Amino acid sequence: MIDEGMEVVAQSKPKMPTQIIDWGKNKKNVNDFFSALMRRARIKKTILDEREAVEKRERLLRRASYILKSIMRGLEEVDLEIKEKIMELCGEACAREDKDLEITRRITAEATDEEQILVRVNKEISWCGTWVRKGETIQSRCTRCGCPLVRNKIVDPTLIQKTE
């Protein structure tokens, strides 16, 4: 019987009322029943715990999205130089998290010239565009946004477009 406190009680009775010796089958059946019940309870608890953890991560992600959107809107109030510096720092943090900076450091330590560095960076770091030398700088023109926050609709890309 299962009561409000989720207590389970089992009573072992012989099949025949005249049976006075239990050969162990009832005990085995009761133990098997409780083992199966406990397995199901653990599985259900695990599923519920995982669902709760996913919901918590989703709430944190939503909150981070709201905060980032507020920061992006706030950048409209600062001059272009400050905005670019903040976006550069954000990009650097993103590159660190994605291991792109680590890969870039390894490539520059192993490559012998700039052309080899550019070939390897374009091969080993997939982002948004191809890196090329233009005059005194190395740059990339993105054909799509490489930011995972934008790709996953956490930040609106119109909030981070450069205004000149």
Foldseek 3Di string as FASTA:
>chain_A
DQDPVRDDDDDFDDPDNVDDDDPCPSVVVVVVVVVVVVVVVVVVVVVVVVVVVVVVVVVVLLVVLVVVQVVLVVLVVDDLVVLVVVVVVVVVVQCVVVCVVVVLVVLVVPDDDDVSSQVCSVVPPDFFARWDDDPPDIDGDGPDHRDPCCVVPSYPVVSSDRDD
